[in-house]
């Protein structure tokens, strides 16, 4: 195995323009790696470079065009890369017309990336999966603690996104397991919860919607929604540790800190932003009100099935194996809010 020298190591990051992907690029550049990022179009290249340049030197960053639904471009994208971080996956901001609109690009895109990586002699792929591949479809109670040994039950109450992440990760493990010895490819998965933290540019995806809606006062109160949360900067550092830690090969890592109710986020925001003129709603909204809102608001419609669900997840493995030291809830909530203000989104 060649010596690990960041300045001589190229890492491919798929979905480089996304919320998590851009932070992954930033993390690698900050640690001296050469980075190639895939995008579906180079139309936003200047915008992405400008966002990164506020934090890191971008001279070792380049873009490649590749789409999850096409074989075109992937061989060129992985050429010369020692590692691949497969971050790209469709994330809906509204229920899809058909679940295959999410499932097919997630699963087939993952297999395209893995095939290209295997053929190019890539050493290890770090796959961005999700807690949606761990805890969905299970009966929830306050005593159940999910671990990496758990898989989502697709015959339970699961949505299209949860199915897409579960089937994509299953396909990844099956693919790597089917390779012959001379085709060996290491695989590690990072399974984040709700990803909060600083938005680097205006295209924030859907991760910051909970904070955005509270800051904008889109609801008169807080729906009974909660998530196992994690800071996007800590998701990026987990990918780096998963790439460089030999013992991470063949392992899944639940990547989250605490389960947090939306009302708890609101209380944090109210404490820090009320004197800046932001009127944060902190009372609890009855479920029936949220369901009515969901009839008219597509983003609310996505989360209605999660009302009242508790998601307790162990992060013991990621801390022990990767030496991961995440930020706390208050820091990630405030960082999200400050960045939304900075980007002019609230």
C-alpha atoms as a PDB file:
ATOM      1  CA  UNK A   1       0.000   0.000   0.000  1.00  0.00           C
ATOM      2  CA  UNK A   2       1.504   3.375  -1.000  1.00  0.00           C
ATOM      3  CA  UNK A   3       2.295   5.927   1.657  1.00  0.00           C
ATOM      4  CA  UNK A   4      -0.586   8.243   2.520  1.00  0.00           C
ATOM      5  CA  UNK A   5       0.569  11.741   1.512  1.00  0.00           C
ATOM      6  CA  UNK A   6      -2.351  14.210   1.174  1.00  0.00           C
ATOM      7  CA  UNK A   7      -0.619  16.494  -1.342  1.00  0.00           C
ATOM      8  CA  UNK A   8      -0.115  13.486  -3.631  1.00  0.00           C
ATOM      9  CA  UNK A   9      -3.580  12.012  -3.069  1.00  0.00           C
ATOM     10  CA  UNK A  10      -6.635  12.803  -5.176  1.00  0.00           C
ATOM     11  CA  UNK A  11     -10.088  12.205  -3.715  1.00  0.00           C
ATOM     12  CA  UNK A  12     -13.285  12.206  -5.742  1.00  0.00           C
ATOM     13  CA  UNK A  13     -16.334  13.740  -4.025  1.00  0.00           C
ATOM     14  CA  UNK A  14     -19.610  13.063  -5.808  1.00  0.00           C
ATOM     15  CA  UNK A  15     -22.361  15.627  -5.421  1.00  0.00           C
ATOM     16  CA  UNK A  16     -19.808  18.316  -4.629  1.00  0.00           C
ATOM     17  CA  UNK A  17     -22.302  21.170  -4.956  1.00  0.00           C
ATOM     18  CA  UNK A  18     -24.620  19.869  -2.231  1.00  0.00           C
ATOM     19  CA  UNK A  19     -24.770  20.926   1.412  1.00  0.00           C
ATOM     20  CA  UNK A  20     -22.767  17.930   2.689  1.00  0.00           C
ATOM     21  CA  UNK A  21     -20.687  17.589  -0.476  1.00  0.00           C
ATOM     22  CA  UNK A  22     -19.369  21.145  -0.341  1.00  0.00           C
ATOM     23  CA  UNK A  23     -18.329  20.701   3.280  1.00  0.00           C
ATOM     24  CA  UNK A  24     -16.589  17.447   2.348  1.00  0.00           C
ATOM     25  CA  UNK A  25     -14.631  19.266  -0.361  1.00  0.00           C
ATOM     26  CA  UNK A  26     -13.722  21.972   2.146  1.00  0.00           C
ATOM     27  CA  UNK A  27     -12.555  19.388   4.706  1.00  0.00           C
ATOM     28  CA  UNK A  28     -10.298  17.649   2.211  1.00  0.00           C
ATOM     29  CA  UNK A  29      -8.791  20.868   0.854  1.00  0.00           C
ATOM     30  CA  UNK A  30      -8.167  22.119   4.392  1.00  0.00           C
ATOM     31  CA  UNK A  31      -6.204  18.932   5.059  1.00  0.00           C
ATOM     32  CA  UNK A  32      -4.041  19.251   1.961  1.00  0.00           C
ATOM     33  CA  UNK A  33      -5.702  16.808  -0.441  1.00  0.00           C
ATOM     34  CA  UNK A  34      -6.288  17.218  -4.139  1.00  0.00           C
ATOM     35  CA  UNK A  35     -10.037  17.122  -4.761  1.00  0.00           C
ATOM     36  CA  UNK A  36     -12.147  16.404  -7.809  1.00  0.00           C
ATOM     37  CA  UNK A  37     -15.856  17.028  -7.380  1.00  0.00           C
ATOM     38  CA  UNK A  38     -18.649  15.760  -9.587  1.00  0.00           C
ATOM     39  CA  UNK A  39     -21.564  17.973 -10.604  1.00  0.00           C
ATOM     40  CA  UNK A  40     -24.293  17.544 -13.192  1.00  0.00           C
ATOM     41  CA  UNK A  41     -23.349  20.871 -14.793  1.00  0.00           C
ATOM     42  CA  UNK A  42     -20.432  23.281 -14.459  1.00  0.00           C
ATOM     43  CA  UNK A  43     -22.795  26.262 -14.636  1.00  0.00           C
ATOM     44  CA  UNK A  44     -22.275  27.016 -10.928  1.00  0.00           C
ATOM     45  CA  UNK A  45     -18.505  26.458 -10.839  1.00  0.00           C
ATOM     46  CA  UNK A  46     -17.624  30.075 -10.059  1.00  0.00           C
ATOM     47  CA  UNK A  47     -20.258  30.240  -7.339  1.00  0.00           C
ATOM     48  CA  UNK A  48     -18.934  27.073  -5.682  1.00  0.00           C
ATOM     49  CA  UNK A  49     -15.310  28.197  -5.932  1.00  0.00           C
ATOM     50  CA  UNK A  50     -16.167  31.564  -4.450  1.00  0.00           C
ATOM     51  CA  UNK A  51     -17.982  29.897  -1.528  1.00  0.00           C
ATOM     52  CA  UNK A  52     -15.026  27.600  -0.839  1.00  0.00           C
ATOM     53  CA  UNK A  53     -12.438  30.361  -1.295  1.00  0.00           C
ATOM     54  CA  UNK A  54     -13.795  32.126   1.799  1.00  0.00           C
ATOM     55  CA  UNK A  55     -12.476  29.205   3.845  1.00  0.00           C
ATOM     56  CA  UNK A  56      -9.747  27.316   1.947  1.00  0.00           C
ATOM     57  CA  UNK A  57      -7.291  27.507  -0.944  1.00  0.00           C
ATOM     58  CA  UNK A  58      -9.098  26.113  -4.000  1.00  0.00           C
ATOM     59  CA  UNK A  59      -6.083  25.687  -6.280  1.00  0.00           C
ATOM     60  CA  UNK A  60      -6.225  21.884  -5.809  1.00  0.00           C
ATOM     61  CA  UNK A  61      -9.930  21.657  -6.611  1.00  0.00           C
ATOM     62  CA  UNK A  62     -11.387  20.671  -9.977  1.00  0.00           C
ATOM     63  CA  UNK A  63     -14.828  19.695 -11.240  1.00  0.00           C
ATOM     64  CA  UNK A  64     -15.970  16.796 -13.409  1.00  0.00           C
ATOM     65  CA  UNK A  65     -19.392  16.383 -14.999  1.00  0.00           C
ATOM     66  CA  UNK A  66     -21.216  13.129 -14.236  1.00  0.00           C
ATOM     67  CA  UNK A  67     -24.832  12.182 -13.581  1.00  0.00           C
ATOM     68  CA  UNK A  68     -26.111   9.359 -11.368  1.00  0.00           C
ATOM     69  CA  UNK A  69     -28.422   8.221 -14.163  1.00  0.00           C
ATOM     70  CA  UNK A  70     -25.762   7.926 -16.870  1.00  0.00           C
ATOM     71  CA  UNK A  71     -22.530   5.959 -17.316  1.00  0.00           C
ATOM     72  CA  UNK A  72     -20.999   8.913 -19.159  1.00  0.00           C
ATOM     73  CA  UNK A  73     -18.192  10.665 -17.310  1.00  0.00           C
ATOM     74  CA  UNK A  74     -17.652   8.335 -14.365  1.00  0.00           C
ATOM     75  CA  UNK A  75     -14.541   6.589 -15.725  1.00  0.00           C
ATOM     76  CA  UNK A  76     -12.939   9.992 -16.293  1.00  0.00           C
ATOM     77  CA  UNK A  77     -14.088  11.277 -12.913  1.00  0.00           C
ATOM     78  CA  UNK A  78     -12.450   8.469 -10.902  1.00  0.00           C
ATOM     79  CA  UNK A  79      -9.270   8.249 -12.995  1.00  0.00           C
ATOM     80  CA  UNK A  80      -6.215   8.868 -10.816  1.00  0.00           C
ATOM     81  CA  UNK A  81      -8.224   8.947  -7.573  1.00  0.00           C
ATOM     82  CA  UNK A  82      -7.073   6.907  -4.609  1.00  0.00           C
ATOM     83  CA  UNK A  83     -10.320   7.399  -2.690  1.00  0.00           C
ATOM     84  CA  UNK A  84     -13.936   8.186  -3.482  1.00  0.00           C
ATOM     85  CA  UNK A  85     -16.486   9.848  -1.217  1.00  0.00           C
ATOM     86  CA  UNK A  86     -19.874   9.050  -2.697  1.00  0.00           C
ATOM     87  CA  UNK A  87     -22.088  11.781  -1.282  1.00  0.00           C
ATOM     88  CA  UNK A  88     -24.485  12.362  -4.178  1.00  0.00           C
ATOM     89  CA  UNK A  89     -28.045  11.113  -3.725  1.00  0.00           C
ATOM     90  CA  UNK A  90     -31.428  12.687  -4.458  1.00  0.00           C
ATOM     91  CA  UNK A  91     -32.995  14.416  -1.439  1.00  0.00           C
ATOM     92  CA  UNK A  92     -36.641  15.452  -1.920  1.00  0.00           C
ATOM     93  CA  UNK A  93     -38.167  18.737  -0.843  1.00  0.00           C
ATOM     94  CA  UNK A  94     -41.597  17.300  -1.625  1.00  0.00           C
ATOM     95  CA  UNK A  95     -43.065  13.789  -1.883  1.00  0.00           C
ATOM     96  CA  UNK A  96     -42.051  12.356  -5.301  1.00  0.00           C
ATOM     97  CA  UNK A  97     -44.703  11.388  -7.829  1.00  0.00           C
ATOM     98  CA  UNK A  98     -43.328   7.849  -7.671  1.00  0.00           C
ATOM     99  CA  UNK A  99     -40.879   6.341  -5.193  1.00  0.00           C
ATOM    100  CA  UNK A 100     -38.657   5.150  -8.049  1.00  0.00           C
ATOM    101  CA  UNK A 101     -37.881   8.803  -8.800  1.00  0.00           C
ATOM    102  CA  UNK A 102     -35.647   8.596  -5.713  1.00  0.00           C
ATOM    103  CA  UNK A 103     -34.868   4.895  -5.456  1.00  0.00           C
ATOM    104  CA  UNK A 104     -33.533   4.356  -8.971  1.00  0.00           C
ATOM    105  CA  UNK A 105     -30.972   7.209  -9.078  1.00  0.00           C
ATOM    106  CA  UNK A 106     -29.857   6.483  -5.490  1.00  0.00           C
ATOM    107  CA  UNK A 107     -29.305   2.768  -6.050  1.00  0.00           C
ATOM    108  CA  UNK A 108     -28.166   2.784  -9.668  1.00  0.00           C
ATOM    109  CA  UNK A 109     -25.994   5.842  -9.125  1.00  0.00           C
ATOM    110  CA  UNK A 110     -24.255   4.161  -6.210  1.00  0.00           C
ATOM    111  CA  UNK A 111     -23.567   1.083  -8.329  1.00  0.00           C
ATOM    112  CA  UNK A 112     -22.229   3.228 -11.177  1.00  0.00           C
ATOM    113  CA  UNK A 113     -19.803   4.942  -8.835  1.00  0.00           C
ATOM    114  CA  UNK A 114     -18.681   1.660  -7.270  1.00  0.00           C
ATOM    115  CA  UNK A 115     -18.164  -0.030 -10.643  1.00  0.00           C
ATOM    116  CA  UNK A 116     -16.104   2.903 -11.898  1.00  0.00           C
ATOM    117  CA  UNK A 117     -14.109   2.964  -8.651  1.00  0.00           C
ATOM    118  CA  UNK A 118     -13.391  -0.768  -8.820  1.00  0.00           C
ATOM    119  CA  UNK A 119     -12.310  -0.617 -12.447  1.00  0.00           C
ATOM    120  CA  UNK A 120     -10.025   2.364 -11.727  1.00  0.00           C
ATOM    121  CA  UNK A 121      -8.290   0.638  -8.813  1.00  0.00           C
ATOM    122  CA  UNK A 122      -9.657   2.967  -6.137  1.00  0.00           C
ATOM    123  CA  UNK A 123      -8.551   1.861  -2.674  1.00  0.00           C
ATOM    124  CA  UNK A 124     -11.591   2.786  -0.571  1.00  0.00           C
ATOM    125  CA  UNK A 125     -15.039   4.268  -1.062  1.00  0.00           C
ATOM    126  CA  UNK A 126     -16.673   6.188   1.777  1.00  0.00           C
ATOM    127  CA  UNK A 127     -20.414   6.158   1.146  1.00  0.00           C
ATOM    128  CA  UNK A 128     -22.708   8.783   2.633  1.00  0.00           C
ATOM    129  CA  UNK A 129     -25.710   6.758   3.713  1.00  0.00           C
ATOM    130  CA  UNK A 130     -28.210   7.865   6.356  1.00  0.00           C
ATOM    131  CA  UNK A 131     -29.920   6.921   9.596  1.00  0.00           C
ATOM    132  CA  UNK A 132     -32.862   6.455   7.225  1.00  0.00           C
ATOM    133  CA  UNK A 133     -31.154   3.166   6.332  1.00  0.00           C
ATOM    134  CA  UNK A 134     -30.945   2.214  10.018  1.00  0.00           C
ATOM    135  CA  UNK A 135     -34.076   3.158  11.942  1.00  0.00           C
ATOM    136  CA  UNK A 136     -36.971   3.539   9.499  1.00  0.00           C
ATOM    137  CA  UNK A 137     -39.923   1.178   9.659  1.00  0.00           C
ATOM    138  CA  UNK A 138     -39.283   0.085  13.248  1.00  0.00           C
ATOM    139  CA  UNK A 139     -41.697   0.590  16.105  1.00  0.00           C
ATOM    140  CA  UNK A 140     -40.433   3.535  18.162  1.00  0.00           C
ATOM    141  CA  UNK A 141     -40.322   3.978  21.897  1.00  0.00           C
ATOM    142  CA  UNK A 142     -38.096   5.900  24.258  1.00  0.00           C
ATOM    143  CA  UNK A 143     -36.158   2.782  25.326  1.00  0.00           C
ATOM    144  CA  UNK A 144     -35.064   1.540  21.885  1.00  0.00           C
ATOM    145  CA  UNK A 145     -31.498   2.529  20.934  1.00  0.00           C
ATOM    146  CA  UNK A 146     -30.487   1.929  17.317  1.00  0.00           C
ATOM    147  CA  UNK A 147     -26.972   0.818  16.338  1.00  0.00           C
ATOM    148  CA  UNK A 148     -25.087  -0.040  13.150  1.00  0.00           C
ATOM    149  CA  UNK A 149     -26.431  -3.595  13.420  1.00  0.00           C
ATOM    150  CA  UNK A 150     -29.928  -2.311  12.646  1.00  0.00           C
ATOM    151  CA  UNK A 151     -31.379  -1.941   9.173  1.00  0.00           C
ATOM    152  CA  UNK A 152     -34.553  -0.147   8.195  1.00  0.00           C
ATOM    153  CA  UNK A 153     -37.576  -2.393   7.656  1.00  0.00           C
ATOM    154  CA  UNK A 154     -38.959  -1.649   4.216  1.00  0.00           C
ATOM    155  CA  UNK A 155     -42.178  -3.530   4.837  1.00  0.00           C
ATOM    156  CA  UNK A 156     -43.004  -1.057   7.617  1.00  0.00           C
ATOM    157  CA  UNK A 157     -44.080   2.585   7.402  1.00  0.00           C
ATOM    158  CA  UNK A 158     -41.274   4.048   5.320  1.00  0.00           C
ATOM    159  CA  UNK A 159     -41.205   6.831   2.758  1.00  0.00           C
ATOM    160  CA  UNK A 160     -39.508   6.951  -0.623  1.00  0.00           C
ATOM    161  CA  UNK A 161     -36.368   8.644   0.703  1.00  0.00           C
ATOM    162  CA  UNK A 162     -35.922   6.056   3.456  1.00  0.00           C
ATOM    163  CA  UNK A 163     -36.340   3.284   0.891  1.00  0.00           C
ATOM    164  CA  UNK A 164     -33.854   4.922  -1.472  1.00  0.00           C
ATOM    165  CA  UNK A 165     -31.118   5.243   1.168  1.00  0.00           C
ATOM    166  CA  UNK A 166     -31.662   1.709   2.473  1.00  0.00           C
ATOM    167  CA  UNK A 167     -31.689   0.057  -0.947  1.00  0.00           C
ATOM    168  CA  UNK A 168     -28.683   2.077  -2.123  1.00  0.00           C
ATOM    169  CA  UNK A 169     -26.594   1.107   0.890  1.00  0.00           C
ATOM    170  CA  UNK A 170     -27.689  -2.542   0.669  1.00  0.00           C
ATOM    171  CA  UNK A 171     -26.698  -2.545  -3.004  1.00  0.00           C
ATOM    172  CA  UNK A 172     -23.282  -1.084  -2.141  1.00  0.00           C
ATOM    173  CA  UNK A 173     -22.490  -3.792   0.410  1.00  0.00           C
ATOM    174  CA  UNK A 174     -23.755  -6.516  -1.967  1.00  0.00           C
ATOM    175  CA  UNK A 175     -21.602  -5.154  -4.799  1.00  0.00           C
ATOM    176  CA  UNK A 176     -18.406  -5.054  -2.729  1.00  0.00           C
ATOM    177  CA  UNK A 177     -19.161  -8.507  -1.332  1.00  0.00           C
ATOM    178  CA  UNK A 178     -19.488  -9.911  -4.866  1.00  0.00           C
ATOM    179  CA  UNK A 179     -16.060  -8.709  -6.044  1.00  0.00           C
ATOM    180  CA  UNK A 180     -13.340 -11.272  -6.691  1.00  0.00           C
ATOM    181  CA  UNK A 181     -10.089 -10.997  -4.744  1.00  0.00           C
ATOM    182  CA  UNK A 182      -8.222  -9.185  -7.515  1.00  0.00           C
ATOM    183  CA  UNK A 183     -11.086  -6.670  -7.741  1.00  0.00           C
ATOM    184  CA  UNK A 184     -11.113  -5.851  -4.030  1.00  0.00           C
ATOM    185  CA  UNK A 185     -12.559  -2.483  -3.041  1.00  0.00           C
ATOM    186  CA  UNK A 186     -12.844  -1.269   0.551  1.00  0.00           C
ATOM    187  CA  UNK A 187     -16.131   0.256   1.642  1.00  0.00           C
ATOM    188  CA  UNK A 188     -17.156   2.277   4.679  1.00  0.00           C
ATOM    189  CA  UNK A 189     -20.496   4.001   5.224  1.00  0.00           C
ATOM    190  CA  UNK A 190     -21.285   7.128   7.214  1.00  0.00           C
ATOM    191  CA  UNK A 191     -24.941   7.244   8.337  1.00  0.00           C
ATOM    192  CA  UNK A 192     -25.810  10.798   9.463  1.00  0.00           C
ATOM    193  CA  UNK A 193     -29.013  11.920  11.136  1.00  0.00           C
ATOM    194  CA  UNK A 194     -30.515  15.359  10.458  1.00  0.00           C
ATOM    195  CA  UNK A 195     -27.570  17.427   9.254  1.00  0.00           C
ATOM    196  CA  UNK A 196     -27.390  20.981  10.573  1.00  0.00           C
ATOM    197  CA  UNK A 197     -24.531  23.481  10.654  1.00  0.00           C
ATOM    198  CA  UNK A 198     -23.269  26.379   8.538  1.00  0.00           C
ATOM    199  CA  UNK A 199     -24.649  26.819   5.029  1.00  0.00           C
ATOM    200  CA  UNK A 200     -21.743  27.787   2.758  1.00  0.00           C
ATOM    201  CA  UNK A 201     -23.850  29.259  -0.056  1.00  0.00           C
ATOM    202  CA  UNK A 202     -27.487  29.942  -0.856  1.00  0.00           C
ATOM    203  CA  UNK A 203     -28.331  26.455  -2.215  1.00  0.00           C
ATOM    204  CA  UNK A 204     -28.834  24.831   1.180  1.00  0.00           C
ATOM    205  CA  UNK A 205     -30.931  21.839   0.120  1.00  0.00           C
ATOM    206  CA  UNK A 206     -33.493  20.665   2.685  1.00  0.00           C
ATOM    207  CA  UNK A 207     -31.318  20.011   5.740  1.00  0.00           C
ATOM    208  CA  UNK A 208     -31.681  23.499   7.189  1.00  0.00           C
ATOM    209  CA  UNK A 209     -35.444  23.703   6.653  1.00  0.00           C
ATOM    210  CA  UNK A 210     -36.303  23.147  10.336  1.00  0.00           C
ATOM    211  CA  UNK A 211     -34.166  26.114  11.419  1.00  0.00           C
ATOM    212  CA  UNK A 212     -35.242  28.195   8.419  1.00  0.00           C
ATOM    213  CA  UNK A 213     -38.940  27.744   9.191  1.00  0.00           C
ATOM    214  CA  UNK A 214     -38.415  28.664  12.843  1.00  0.00           C
ATOM    215  CA  UNK A 215     -36.418  31.777  11.954  1.00  0.00           C
ATOM    216  CA  UNK A 216     -39.011  32.847   9.375  1.00  0.00           C
ATOM    217  CA  UNK A 217     -41.853  31.974  11.744  1.00  0.00           C
ATOM    218  CA  UNK A 218     -43.514  29.912   9.003  1.00  0.00           C
ATOM    219  CA  UNK A 219     -45.376  28.015  11.729  1.00  0.00           C
ATOM    220  CA  UNK A 220     -47.207  29.598  14.678  1.00  0.00           C
ATOM    221  CA  UNK A 221     -45.611  26.953  16.885  1.00  0.00           C
ATOM    222  CA  UNK A 222     -43.403  23.868  16.865  1.00  0.00           C
ATOM    223  CA  UNK A 223     -44.589  20.585  15.364  1.00  0.00           C
ATOM    224  CA  UNK A 224     -43.851  17.491  17.459  1.00  0.00           C
ATOM    225  CA  UNK A 225     -40.894  16.636  15.252  1.00  0.00           C
ATOM    226  CA  UNK A 226     -37.503  15.476  16.427  1.00  0.00           C
ATOM    227  CA  UNK A 227     -34.324  14.103  14.940  1.00  0.00           C
ATOM    228  CA  UNK A 228     -30.980  12.605  15.853  1.00  0.00           C
ATOM    229  CA  UNK A 229     -28.862  15.573  14.777  1.00  0.00           C
ATOM    230  CA  UNK A 230     -25.290  16.173  13.630  1.00  0.00           C
ATOM    231  CA  UNK A 231     -23.238  19.142  12.459  1.00  0.00           C
ATOM    232  CA  UNK A 232     -22.278  19.063   8.771  1.00  0.00           C
ATOM    233  CA  UNK A 233     -18.665  19.868   9.706  1.00  0.00           C
ATOM    234  CA  UNK A 234     -18.602  16.746  11.854  1.00  0.00           C
ATOM    235  CA  UNK A 235     -20.089  14.693   9.018  1.00  0.00           C
ATOM    236  CA  UNK A 236     -17.202  15.854   6.826  1.00  0.00           C
ATOM    237  CA  UNK A 237     -14.598  15.050   9.492  1.00  0.00           C
ATOM    238  CA  UNK A 238     -16.180  11.605   9.925  1.00  0.00           C
ATOM    239  CA  UNK A 239     -15.692  10.955   6.208  1.00  0.00           C
ATOM    240  CA  UNK A 240     -12.030  11.913   6.498  1.00  0.00           C
ATOM    241  CA  UNK A 241     -11.503   9.654   9.488  1.00  0.00           C
ATOM    242  CA  UNK A 242     -13.347   6.822   7.727  1.00  0.00           C
ATOM    243  CA  UNK A 243     -11.020   7.227   4.741  1.00  0.00           C
ATOM    244  CA  UNK A 244      -7.780   7.229   6.738  1.00  0.00           C
ATOM    245  CA  UNK A 245      -8.542   4.744   9.533  1.00  0.00           C
ATOM    246  CA  UNK A 246      -7.611   1.184   8.478  1.00  0.00           C
ATOM    247  CA  UNK A 247     -10.094  -0.355  10.939  1.00  0.00           C
ATOM    248  CA  UNK A 248     -12.987   1.489   9.272  1.00  0.00           C
ATOM    249  CA  UNK A 249     -12.988  -0.860   6.284  1.00  0.00           C
ATOM    250  CA  UNK A 250     -16.201  -2.878   6.121  1.00  0.00           C
ATOM    251  CA  UNK A 251     -17.974  -0.885   8.824  1.00  0.00           C
ATOM    252  CA  UNK A 252     -21.042   1.315   9.088  1.00  0.00           C
ATOM    253  CA  UNK A 253     -20.989   4.337  11.395  1.00  0.00           C
ATOM    254  CA  UNK A 254     -24.058   6.011  12.867  1.00  0.00           C
ATOM    255  CA  UNK A 255     -23.130   9.691  12.734  1.00  0.00           C
ATOM    256  CA  UNK A 256     -25.208  11.767  15.143  1.00  0.00           C
ATOM    257  CA  UNK A 257     -25.149  13.419  18.546  1.00  0.00           C
ATOM    258  CA  UNK A 258     -28.451  13.794  20.393  1.00  0.00           C
ATOM    259  CA  UNK A 259     -32.118  13.380  19.633  1.00  0.00           C
ATOM    260  CA  UNK A 260     -33.575  16.901  19.628  1.00  0.00           C
ATOM    261  CA  UNK A 261     -37.166  18.061  19.401  1.00  0.00           C
ATOM    262  CA  UNK A 262     -37.926  21.001  17.153  1.00  0.00           C
ATOM    263  CA  UNK A 263     -39.216  22.844  20.210  1.00  0.00           C
ATOM    264  CA  UNK A 264     -35.796  22.480  21.860  1.00  0.00           C
ATOM    265  CA  UNK A 265     -34.216  24.053  18.769  1.00  0.00           C
ATOM    266  CA  UNK A 266     -36.742  26.882  18.981  1.00  0.00           C
ATOM    267  CA  UNK A 267     -35.885  27.562  22.621  1.00  0.00           C
ATOM    268  CA  UNK A 268     -32.178  27.789  21.730  1.00  0.00           C
ATOM    269  CA  UNK A 269     -32.918  30.173  18.860  1.00  0.00           C
ATOM    270  CA  UNK A 270     -35.240  32.296  20.971  1.00  0.00           C
ATOM    271  CA  UNK A 271     -32.608  32.625  23.687  1.00  0.00           C
ATOM    272  CA  UNK A 272     -29.979  33.891  21.248  1.00  0.00           C
ATOM    273  CA  UNK A 273     -31.948  35.756  18.579  1.00  0.00           C
ATOM    274  CA  UNK A 274     -34.966  37.317  20.305  1.00  0.00           C
ATOM    275  CA  UNK A 275     -32.996  40.473  21.108  1.00  0.00           C
ATOM    276  CA  UNK A 276     -32.035  40.700  17.425  1.00  0.00           C
ATOM    277  CA  UNK A 277     -35.663  40.978  16.378  1.00  0.00           C
ATOM    278  CA  UNK A 278     -36.433  37.364  15.535  1.00  0.00           C
ATOM    279  CA  UNK A 279     -39.735  36.178  17.007  1.00  0.00           C
ATOM    280  CA  UNK A 280     -39.182  32.432  17.342  1.00  0.00           C
ATOM    281  CA  UNK A 281     -42.313  30.336  17.950  1.00  0.00           C
ATOM    282  CA  UNK A 282     -41.761  28.089  20.983  1.00  0.00           C
ATOM    283  CA  UNK A 283     -45.198  26.670  21.775  1.00  0.00           C
ATOM    284  CA  UNK A 284     -46.106  23.140  20.664  1.00  0.00           C
ATOM    285  CA  UNK A 285     -48.431  22.725  17.689  1.00  0.00           C
ATOM    286  CA  UNK A 286     -51.085  19.983  17.900  1.00  0.00           C
ATOM    287  CA  UNK A 287     -50.534  17.210  15.354  1.00  0.00           C
ATOM    288  CA  UNK A 288     -53.850  17.869  13.583  1.00  0.00           C
ATOM    289  CA  UNK A 289     -52.765  21.431  12.800  1.00  0.00           C
ATOM    290  CA  UNK A 290     -49.522  20.194  11.235  1.00  0.00           C
ATOM    291  CA  UNK A 291     -51.438  17.659   9.157  1.00  0.00           C
ATOM    292  CA  UNK A 292     -53.679  20.435   7.839  1.00  0.00           C
ATOM    293  CA  UNK A 293     -50.628  22.575   6.979  1.00  0.00           C
ATOM    294  CA  UNK A 294     -49.190  19.561   5.161  1.00  0.00           C
ATOM    295  CA  UNK A 295     -52.131  19.610   2.771  1.00  0.00           C
ATOM    296  CA  UNK A 296     -50.890  22.938   1.422  1.00  0.00           C
ATOM    297  CA  UNK A 297     -47.132  22.981   2.178  1.00  0.00           C
ATOM    298  CA  UNK A 298     -45.064  20.370   0.342  1.00  0.00           C
ATOM    299  CA  UNK A 299     -42.136  20.490   2.775  1.00  0.00           C
ATOM    300  CA  UNK A 300     -44.423  19.952   5.770  1.00  0.00           C
ATOM    301  CA  UNK A 301     -46.059  17.072   3.906  1.00  0.00           C
ATOM    302  CA  UNK A 302     -42.729  15.214   3.847  1.00  0.00           C
ATOM    303  CA  UNK A 303     -42.352  15.260   7.648  1.00  0.00           C
ATOM    304  CA  UNK A 304     -45.960  14.617   8.732  1.00  0.00           C
ATOM    305  CA  UNK A 305     -45.324  10.837   9.080  1.00  0.00           C
ATOM    306  CA  UNK A 306     -42.558  11.620  11.610  1.00  0.00           C
ATOM    307  CA  UNK A 307     -44.797  13.433  14.087  1.00  0.00           C
ATOM    308  CA  UNK A 308     -44.050  12.248  17.613  1.00  0.00           C
ATOM    309  CA  UNK A 309     -41.396   9.706  16.587  1.00  0.00           C
ATOM    310  CA  UNK A 310     -38.354   9.312  18.857  1.00  0.00           C
ATOM    311  CA  UNK A 311     -35.019   8.283  17.313  1.00  0.00           C
ATOM    312  CA  UNK A 312     -32.388   7.301  19.877  1.00  0.00           C
ATOM    313  CA  UNK A 313     -29.143   6.221  18.235  1.00  0.00           C
ATOM    314  CA  UNK A 314     -25.820   5.076  19.680  1.00  0.00           C
ATOM    315  CA  UNK A 315     -22.675   6.836  18.456  1.00  0.00           C
ATOM    316  CA  UNK A 316     -20.355   4.630  20.503  1.00  0.00           C
ATOM    317  CA  UNK A 317     -18.767   2.940  17.470  1.00  0.00           C
ATOM    318  CA  UNK A 318     -17.903   6.095  15.540  1.00  0.00           C
ATOM    319  CA  UNK A 319     -16.330   7.647  18.627  1.00  0.00           C
ATOM    320  CA  UNK A 320     -14.365   4.514  19.478  1.00  0.00           C
ATOM    321  CA  UNK A 321     -13.141   3.493  16.023  1.00  0.00           C
ATOM    322  CA  UNK A 322     -12.751   6.893  14.354  1.00  0.00           C
ATOM    323  CA  UNK A 323     -11.960   9.000  17.423  1.00  0.00           C
ATOM    324  CA  UNK A 324     -14.853  11.243  16.414  1.00  0.00           C
ATOM    325  CA  UNK A 325     -15.519  14.250  18.658  1.00  0.00           C
ATOM    326  CA  UNK A 326     -18.697  16.014  17.518  1.00  0.00           C
ATOM    327  CA  UNK A 327     -20.083  19.434  18.309  1.00  0.00           C
ATOM    328  CA  UNK A 328     -23.074  19.827  20.586  1.00  0.00           C
ATOM    329  CA  UNK A 329     -26.660  20.641  19.676  1.00  0.00           C
ATOM    330  CA  UNK A 330     -26.594  24.319  20.611  1.00  0.00           C
ATOM    331  CA  UNK A 331     -23.495  25.037  18.539  1.00  0.00           C
ATOM    332  CA  UNK A 332     -24.891  23.395  15.410  1.00  0.00           C
ATOM    333  CA  UNK A 333     -28.299  25.081  15.751  1.00  0.00           C
ATOM    334  CA  UNK A 334     -26.750  28.527  16.170  1.00  0.00           C
ATOM    335  CA  UNK A 335     -24.272  27.971  13.331  1.00  0.00           C
ATOM    336  CA  UNK A 336     -27.146  27.053  11.013  1.00  0.00           C
ATOM    337  CA  UNK A 337     -29.110  30.160  11.953  1.00  0.00           C
ATOM    338  CA  UNK A 338     -26.147  32.532  11.648  1.00  0.00           C
ATOM    339  CA  UNK A 339     -25.291  31.194   8.203  1.00  0.00           C
ATOM    340  CA  UNK A 340     -28.890  31.529   6.996  1.00  0.00           C
ATOM    341  CA  UNK A 341     -28.776  35.167   8.054  1.00  0.00           C
ATOM    342  CA  UNK A 342     -25.388  35.652   6.374  1.00  0.00           C
ATOM    343  CA  UNK A 343     -26.690  34.119   3.112  1.00  0.00           C
ATOM    344  CA  UNK A 344     -29.699  36.430   3.179  1.00  0.00           C
ATOM    345  CA  UNK A 345     -32.142  33.555   3.486  1.00  0.00           C
ATOM    346  CA  UNK A 346     -33.852  34.926   6.616  1.00  0.00           C
END
